PDB file of N, CA and C in Angstrom:
ATOM      1  N   UNK A   1       0.830  -1.103  -0.157  1.00  0.00           N
ATOM      2  CA  UNK A   1       0.245   0.307   0.091  1.00  0.00           C
ATOM      3  C   UNK A   1       1.212   1.165   0.150  1.00  0.00           C
ATOM      4  N   UNK A   2       0.321   2.554  -0.441  1.00  0.00           N
ATOM      5  CA  UNK A   2       1.139   3.169  -0.664  1.00  0.00           C
ATOM      6  C   UNK A   2       0.899   4.482   0.053  1.00  0.00           C
ATOM      7  N   UNK A   3       1.725   5.127   0.997  1.00  0.00           N
ATOM      8  CA  UNK A   3       1.223   5.969   2.053  1.00  0.00           C
ATOM      9  C   UNK A   3       0.973   7.376   1.600  1.00  0.00           C
ATOM     10  N   UNK A   4      -0.002   7.878   1.910  1.00  0.00           N
ATOM     11  CA  UNK A   4      -0.701   8.533   1.509  1.00  0.00           C
ATOM     12  C   UNK A   4      -1.259   9.843   2.534  1.00  0.00           C
ATOM     13  N   UNK A   5      -1.645  11.116   3.061  1.00  0.00           N
ATOM     14  CA  UNK A   5      -2.657  11.492   3.984  1.00  0.00           C
ATOM     15  C   UNK A   5      -3.517  12.361   3.292  1.00  0.00           C
ATOM     16  N   UNK A   6      -4.448  11.459   3.761  1.00  0.00           N
ATOM     17  CA  UNK A   6      -5.844  11.519   3.292  1.00  0.00           C
ATOM     18  C   UNK A   6      -6.447  13.280   4.168  1.00  0.00           C
ATOM     19  N   UNK A   7      -5.893  13.736   5.902  1.00  0.00           N
ATOM     20  CA  UNK A   7      -7.022  14.700   5.455  1.00  0.00           C
ATOM     21  C   UNK A   7      -5.712  15.565   6.645  1.00  0.00           C
ATOM     22  N   UNK A   8      -5.259  16.387   6.163  1.00  0.00           N
ATOM     23  CA  UNK A   8      -4.220  17.765   7.370  1.00  0.00           C
ATOM     24  C   UNK A   8      -5.380  19.186   7.232  1.00  0.00           C
ATOM     25  N   UNK A   9      -4.819  19.524   9.239  1.00  0.00           N
ATOM     26  CA  UNK A   9      -5.693  20.868   9.316  1.00  0.00           C
ATOM     27  C   UNK A   9      -4.903  21.589  10.452  1.00  0.00           C
ATOM     28  N   UNK A  10      -4.504  22.486  10.361  1.00  0.00           N
ATOM     29  CA  UNK A  10      -4.600  23.245  10.604  1.00  0.00           C
ATOM     30  C   UNK A  10      -4.079  23.709  12.150  1.00  0.00           C
ATOM     31  N   UNK A  11      -2.757  23.511  13.065  1.00  0.00           N
ATOM     32  CA  UNK A  11      -3.072  22.779  14.502  1.00  0.00           C
ATOM     33  C   UNK A  11      -2.831  24.595  14.944  1.00  0.00           C
ATOM     34  N   UNK A  12      -1.478  25.310  14.962  1.00  0.00           N
ATOM     35  CA  UNK A  12      -0.759  26.484  15.549  1.00  0.00           C
ATOM     36  C   UNK A  12       0.522  26.612  14.958  1.00  0.00           C
ATOM     37  N   UNK A  13       1.104  27.869  14.864  1.00  0.00           N
ATOM     38  CA  UNK A  13       2.634  27.820  14.739  1.00  0.00           C
ATOM     39  C   UNK A  13       3.209  27.207  13.741  1.00  0.00           C
ATOM     40  N   UNK A  14       3.509  26.313  14.043  1.00  0.00           N
ATOM     41  CA  UNK A  14       4.210  25.711  12.322  1.00  0.00           C
ATOM     42  C   UNK A  14       3.439  24.126  12.153  1.00  0.00           C
ATOM     43  N   UNK A  15       2.979  23.749  13.232  1.00  0.00           N
ATOM     44  CA  UNK A  15       2.309  22.220  13.298  1.00  0.00           C
ATOM     45  C   UNK A  15       0.584  22.200  13.218  1.00  0.00           C
ATOM     46  N   UNK A  16       0.924  21.075  12.009  1.00  0.00           N
ATOM     47  CA  UNK A  16      -0.672  20.398  10.814  1.00  0.00           C
ATOM     48  C   UNK A  16      -0.184  19.197  11.818  1.00  0.00           C
ATOM     49  N   UNK A  17      -1.591  18.863  12.078  1.00  0.00           N
ATOM     50  CA  UNK A  17      -2.299  17.996  11.906  1.00  0.00           C
ATOM     51  C   UNK A  17      -2.497  17.047  10.560  1.00  0.00           C
ATOM     52  N   UNK A  18      -1.757  15.489  10.953  1.00  0.00           N
ATOM     53  CA  UNK A  18      -2.462  14.853   9.142  1.00  0.00           C
ATOM     54  C   UNK A  18      -2.606  13.110   9.512  1.00  0.00           C
ATOM     55  N   UNK A  19      -4.021  12.939   9.330  1.00  0.00           N
ATOM     56  CA  UNK A  19      -4.744  11.507   9.022  1.00  0.00           C
ATOM     57  C   UNK A  19      -3.683  11.517   7.336  1.00  0.00           C
ATOM     58  N   UNK A  20      -2.875  10.261   7.532  1.00  0.00           N
ATOM     59  CA  UNK A  20      -2.432   9.363   6.582  1.00  0.00           C
ATOM     60  C   UNK A  20      -3.808   7.729   6.413  1.00  0.00           C
ATOM     61  N   UNK A  21      -3.546   7.080   5.268  1.00  0.00           N
ATOM     62  CA  UNK A  21      -4.454   5.810   5.326  1.00  0.00           C
ATOM     63  C   UNK A  21      -4.193   4.474   5.476  1.00  0.00           C
ATOM     64  N   UNK A  22      -3.217   4.690   6.748  1.00  0.00           N
ATOM     65  CA  UNK A  22      -3.020   3.717   7.622  1.00  0.00           C
ATOM     66  C   UNK A  22      -3.618   3.645   9.222  1.00  0.00           C
ATOM     67  N   UNK A  23      -4.367   4.518   8.434  1.00  0.00           N
ATOM     68  CA  UNK A  23      -4.735   4.921  10.655  1.00  0.00           C
ATOM     69  C   UNK A  23      -4.457   5.533  10.556  1.00  0.00           C
ATOM     70  N   UNK A  24      -3.172   6.478  11.078  1.00  0.00           N
ATOM     71  CA  UNK A  24      -2.225   6.835  11.544  1.00  0.00           C
ATOM     72  C   UNK A  24      -2.705   7.826  12.240  1.00  0.00           C
ATOM     73  N   UNK A  25      -2.945   8.829  12.502  1.00  0.00           N
ATOM     74  CA  UNK A  25      -2.916  10.268  12.124  1.00  0.00           C
ATOM     75  C   UNK A  25      -1.884  11.319  13.770  1.00  0.00           C
ATOM     76  N   UNK A  26      -0.841  11.753  13.287  1.00  0.00           N
ATOM     77  CA  UNK A  26      -0.650  12.825  14.263  1.00  0.00           C
ATOM     78  C   UNK A  26      -0.069  14.154  13.691  1.00  0.00           C
ATOM     79  N   UNK A  27       0.215  15.064  15.059  1.00  0.00           N
ATOM     80  CA  UNK A  27       0.731  16.412  15.134  1.00  0.00           C
ATOM     81  C   UNK A  27       2.617  16.231  14.571  1.00  0.00           C
ATOM     82  N   UNK A  28       2.438  17.429  13.316  1.00  0.00           N
ATOM     83  CA  UNK A  28       3.540  17.249  13.097  1.00  0.00           C
ATOM     84  C   UNK A  28       4.116  18.899  13.076  1.00  0.00           C
ATOM     85  N   UNK A  29       5.924  19.576  13.168  1.00  0.00           N
ATOM     86  CA  UNK A  29       5.994  21.135  13.287  1.00  0.00           C
ATOM     87  C   UNK A  29       7.143  20.903  12.457  1.00  0.00           C
ATOM     88  N   UNK A  30       6.403  21.618  11.041  1.00  0.00           N
ATOM     89  CA  UNK A  30       7.672  21.701  10.046  1.00  0.00           C
ATOM     90  C   UNK A  30       8.117  22.787  10.457  1.00  0.00           C
ATOM     91  N   UNK A  31       8.400  23.424  10.959  1.00  0.00           N
ATOM     92  CA  UNK A  31       8.613  24.983  11.121  1.00  0.00           C
ATOM     93  C   UNK A  31      10.495  24.499  11.401  1.00  0.00           C
ATOM     94  N   UNK A  32      11.471  23.117  11.193  1.00  0.00           N
ATOM     95  CA  UNK A  32      12.386  23.454  10.977  1.00  0.00           C
ATOM     96  C   UNK A  32      12.434  22.177   9.704  1.00  0.00           C
ATOM     97  N   UNK A  33      11.714  22.417   8.757  1.00  0.00           N
ATOM     98  CA  UNK A  33      12.025  21.863   7.716  1.00  0.00           C
ATOM     99  C   UNK A  33      11.133  22.839   6.744  1.00  0.00           C
ATOM    100  N   UNK A  34      11.447  24.143   6.338  1.00  0.00           N
ATOM    101  CA  UNK A  34      11.279  25.206   5.308  1.00  0.00           C
ATOM    102  C   UNK A  34      12.332  25.542   5.686  1.00  0.00           C
ATOM    103  N   UNK A  35      12.893  25.236   5.202  1.00  0.00           N
ATOM    104  CA  UNK A  35      14.474  25.773   4.689  1.00  0.00           C
ATOM    105  C   UNK A  35      14.589  24.818   2.977  1.00  0.00           C
ATOM    106  N   UNK A  36      15.028  26.046   1.645  1.00  0.00           N
ATOM    107  CA  UNK A  36      14.864  25.625   0.398  1.00  0.00           C
ATOM    108  C   UNK A  36      13.939  27.020  -0.227  1.00  0.00           C
ATOM    109  N   UNK A  37      14.291  27.202  -1.558  1.00  0.00           N
ATOM    110  CA  UNK A  37      13.926  28.102  -2.116  1.00  0.00           C
ATOM    111  C   UNK A  37      11.761  28.390  -2.186  1.00  0.00           C
ATOM    112  N   UNK A  38      11.737  26.702  -2.267  1.00  0.00           N
ATOM    113  CA  UNK A  38      10.310  26.258  -2.186  1.00  0.00           C
ATOM    114  C   UNK A  38       9.699  26.393  -0.599  1.00  0.00           C
ATOM    115  N   UNK A  39      10.425  26.505  -0.303  1.00  0.00           N
ATOM    116  CA  UNK A  39       9.709  25.970   1.423  1.00  0.00           C
ATOM    117  C   UNK A  39      10.256  27.919   2.524  1.00  0.00           C
ATOM    118  N   UNK A  40      10.675  28.470   1.810  1.00  0.00           N
ATOM    119  CA  UNK A  40      10.833  29.753   2.512  1.00  0.00           C
ATOM    120  C   UNK A  40      10.087  30.823   2.744  1.00  0.00           C
ATOM    121  N   UNK A  41       9.316  30.834   1.549  1.00  0.00           N
ATOM    122  CA  UNK A  41       7.858  31.451   2.298  1.00  0.00           C
ATOM    123  C   UNK A  41       6.952  31.658   3.303  1.00  0.00           C
ATOM    124  N   UNK A  42       7.179  29.928   3.033  1.00  0.00           N
ATOM    125  CA  UNK A  42       6.676  29.447   4.109  1.00  0.00           C
ATOM    126  C   UNK A  42       6.486  30.076   5.536  1.00  0.00           C
ATOM    127  N   UNK A  43       6.977  30.048   5.396  1.00  0.00           N
ATOM    128  CA  UNK A  43       7.935  31.319   6.749  1.00  0.00           C
ATOM    129  C   UNK A  43       6.832  31.717   7.635  1.00  0.00           C
ATOM    130  N   UNK A  44       6.295  33.125   6.427  1.00  0.00           N
ATOM    131  CA  UNK A  44       5.333  33.946   6.594  1.00  0.00           C
ATOM    132  C   UNK A  44       3.826  32.838   7.012  1.00  0.00           C
ATOM    133  N   UNK A  45       3.295  32.942   8.325  1.00  0.00           N
ATOM    134  CA  UNK A  45       2.088  31.932   8.866  1.00  0.00           C
ATOM    135  C   UNK A  45       0.829  31.827   8.471  1.00  0.00           C
ATOM    136  N   UNK A  46       0.857  33.632   7.333  1.00  0.00           N
ATOM    137  CA  UNK A  46      -0.611  33.276   6.828  1.00  0.00           C
ATOM    138  C   UNK A  46      -0.421  32.126   5.824  1.00  0.00           C
ATOM    139  N   UNK A  47       0.608  32.772   4.985  1.00  0.00           N
ATOM    140  CA  UNK A  47       1.260  31.418   3.305  1.00  0.00           C
ATOM    141  C   UNK A  47       0.943  30.555   4.554  1.00  0.00           C
ATOM    142  N   UNK A  48       1.219  29.871   4.902  1.00  0.00           N
ATOM    143  CA  UNK A  48       2.075  29.046   5.584  1.00  0.00           C
ATOM    144  C   UNK A  48       0.632  28.098   6.152  1.00  0.00           C
ATOM    145  N   UNK A  49      -0.292  28.458   6.760  1.00  0.00           N
ATOM    146  CA  UNK A  49      -1.573  27.931   7.393  1.00  0.00           C
ATOM    147  C   UNK A  49      -3.040  27.931   6.115  1.00  0.00           C
ATOM    148  N   UNK A  50      -1.813  27.880   4.612  1.00  0.00           N
ATOM    149  CA  UNK A  50      -3.310  28.318   3.617  1.00  0.00           C
ATOM    150  C   UNK A  50      -2.873  27.108   2.955  1.00  0.00           C
ATOM    151  N   UNK A  51      -2.621  25.890   2.785  1.00  0.00           N
ATOM    152  CA  UNK A  51      -2.763  24.405   2.202  1.00  0.00           C
ATOM    153  C   UNK A  51      -3.441  23.837   2.232  1.00  0.00           C
ATOM    154  N   UNK A  52      -3.299  22.626   0.783  1.00  0.00           N
ATOM    155  CA  UNK A  52      -5.024  22.160   1.163  1.00  0.00           C
ATOM    156  C   UNK A  52      -4.346  20.706   1.085  1.00  0.00           C
ATOM    157  N   UNK A  53      -4.701  19.298   0.671  1.00  0.00           N
ATOM    158  CA  UNK A  53      -4.256  17.732   0.367  1.00  0.00           C
ATOM    159  C   UNK A  53      -5.018  18.125  -1.203  1.00  0.00           C
ATOM    160  N   UNK A  54      -3.467  17.204  -1.627  1.00  0.00           N
ATOM    161  CA  UNK A  54      -3.760  17.002  -3.408  1.00  0.00           C
ATOM    162  C   UNK A  54      -2.796  16.495  -3.513  1.00  0.00           C
ATOM    163  N   UNK A  55      -3.313  15.029  -4.253  1.00  0.00           N
ATOM    164  CA  UNK A  55      -2.271  14.748  -4.815  1.00  0.00           C
ATOM    165  C   UNK A  55      -1.629  13.432  -3.598  1.00  0.00           C
ATOM    166  N   UNK A  56      -2.424  12.814  -2.386  1.00  0.00           N
ATOM    167  CA  UNK A  56      -1.819  12.192  -1.315  1.00  0.00           C
ATOM    168  C   UNK A  56      -0.937  13.232  -0.359  1.00  0.00           C
ATOM    169  N   UNK A  57      -0.504  14.116  -0.626  1.00  0.00           N
ATOM    170  CA  UNK A  57      -0.011  14.976   0.537  1.00  0.00           C
ATOM    171  C   UNK A  57      -0.311  16.474   0.971  1.00  0.00           C
ATOM    172  N   UNK A  58       0.370  16.966   1.693  1.00  0.00           N
ATOM    173  CA  UNK A  58      -0.145  18.085   1.731  1.00  0.00           C
ATOM    174  C   UNK A  58       0.379  19.159   0.819  1.00  0.00           C
ATOM    175  N   UNK A  59      -0.064  20.109   0.154  1.00  0.00           N
ATOM    176  CA  UNK A  59       0.399  21.412  -0.840  1.00  0.00           C
ATOM    177  C   UNK A  59      -0.044  22.664  -0.476  1.00  0.00           C
ATOM    178  N   UNK A  60       1.102  23.654  -0.926  1.00  0.00           N
ATOM    179  CA  UNK A  60       0.646  24.906  -0.905  1.00  0.00           C
ATOM    180  C   UNK A  60       0.407  25.374  -2.250  1.00  0.00           C
ATOM    181  N   UNK A  61       0.199  26.560  -1.987  1.00  0.00           N
ATOM    182  CA  UNK A  61      -0.779  27.413  -3.463  1.00  0.00           C
ATOM    183  C   UNK A  61       0.832  27.814  -3.470  1.00  0.00           C
ATOM    184  N   UNK A  62       2.351  28.104  -3.982  1.00  0.00           N
ATOM    185  CA  UNK A  62       3.687  28.348  -4.359  1.00  0.00           C
ATOM    186  C   UNK A  62       3.837  26.844  -4.738  1.00  0.00           C
ATOM    187  N   UNK A  63       3.135  25.667  -4.429  1.00  0.00           N
ATOM    188  CA  UNK A  63       3.819  24.482  -4.764  1.00  0.00           C
ATOM    189  C   UNK A  63       4.786  23.752  -4.256  1.00  0.00           C
ATOM    190  N   UNK A  64       4.621  24.059  -2.768  1.00  0.00           N
ATOM    191  CA  UNK A  64       5.309  24.259  -2.567  1.00  0.00           C
ATOM    192  C   UNK A  64       4.699  22.171  -1.709  1.00  0.00           C
ATOM    193  N   UNK A  65       5.795  21.318  -1.488  1.00  0.00           N
ATOM    194  CA  UNK A  65       4.490  19.927  -0.296  1.00  0.00           C
ATOM    195  C   UNK A  65       6.291  19.078  -0.678  1.00  0.00           C
ATOM    196  N   UNK A  66       5.657  17.687   0.690  1.00  0.00           N
ATOM    197  CA  UNK A  66       6.566  17.130   1.014  1.00  0.00           C
ATOM    198  C   UNK A  66       5.425  15.762   0.766  1.00  0.00           C
ATOM    199  N   UNK A  67       6.442  15.017   0.129  1.00  0.00           N
ATOM    200  CA  UNK A  67       6.642  13.363   0.088  1.00  0.00           C
ATOM    201  C   UNK A  67       5.906  12.572   0.941  1.00  0.00           C
ATOM    202  N   UNK A  68       5.041  12.194   1.091  1.00  0.00           N
ATOM    203  CA  UNK A  68       4.107  11.522   3.096  1.00  0.00           C
ATOM    204  C   UNK A  68       5.204  10.838   3.662  1.00  0.00           C
ATOM    205  N   UNK A  69       5.777  10.303   3.195  1.00  0.00           N
ATOM    206  CA  UNK A  69       7.070   9.337   3.512  1.00  0.00           C
ATOM    207  C   UNK A  69       7.757  10.449   4.101  1.00  0.00           C
ATOM    208  N   UNK A  70       7.884  11.021   3.807  1.00  0.00           N
ATOM    209  CA  UNK A  70       8.379  12.246   5.037  1.00  0.00           C
ATOM    210  C   UNK A  70       8.061  12.742   5.890  1.00  0.00           C
ATOM    211  N   UNK A  71       7.414  13.134   6.339  1.00  0.00           N
ATOM    212  CA  UNK A  71       5.391  13.653   7.108  1.00  0.00           C
ATOM    213  C   UNK A  71       5.277  12.716   7.808  1.00  0.00           C
ATOM    214  N   UNK A  72       5.424  10.789   7.578  1.00  0.00           N
ATOM    215  CA  UNK A  72       4.927  10.183   8.834  1.00  0.00           C
ATOM    216  C   UNK A  72       6.079  10.007   8.907  1.00  0.00           C
ATOM    217  N   UNK A  73       7.218   9.965   8.550  1.00  0.00           N
ATOM    218  CA  UNK A  73       9.230  10.532   9.334  1.00  0.00           C
ATOM    219  C   UNK A  73       9.320  10.908  10.516  1.00  0.00           C
ATOM    220  N   UNK A  74       8.882  12.525  11.009  1.00  0.00           N
ATOM    221  CA  UNK A  74       8.688  13.275  11.593  1.00  0.00           C
ATOM    222  C   UNK A  74       7.990  13.094  12.435  1.00  0.00           C
ATOM    223  N   UNK A  75       8.761  13.255  13.576  1.00  0.00           N
ATOM    224  CA  UNK A  75       8.647  12.572  14.786  1.00  0.00           C
ATOM    225  C   UNK A  75       6.220  13.632  15.730  1.00  0.00           C
ATOM    226  N   UNK A  76       6.152  12.435  16.108  1.00  0.00           N
ATOM    227  CA  UNK A  76       4.973  13.037  16.693  1.00  0.00           C
ATOM    228  C   UNK A  76       4.314  14.203  17.934  1.00  0.00           C
ATOM    229  N   UNK A  77       4.171  15.941  17.761  1.00  0.00           N
ATOM    230  CA  UNK A  77       4.771  16.628  18.849  1.00  0.00           C
ATOM    231  C   UNK A  77       3.123  16.341  19.870  1.00  0.00           C
ATOM    232  N   UNK A  78       3.476  16.444  20.785  1.00  0.00           N
ATOM    233  CA  UNK A  78       2.406  15.581  21.501  1.00  0.00           C
ATOM    234  C   UNK A  78       1.343  17.345  22.233  1.00  0.00           C
TER     235      UNK A  78
END
């Protein structure tokens, strides 16, 4: 089975709650992942909050996204 993000919801700061197709749900903090030209605009919290689930992962309006496997591997925030 391919890993997919089926739902995502903004929590606070740079934290997003993710629901995966393998029944795992967790909150991840992406602040330390926002480096590089495509991700730097997302340091603006208003832009960061404006995402959708598209093509099995979280995607922002500027085209930035993370592989679902990357998101799954991040530690869960309690």
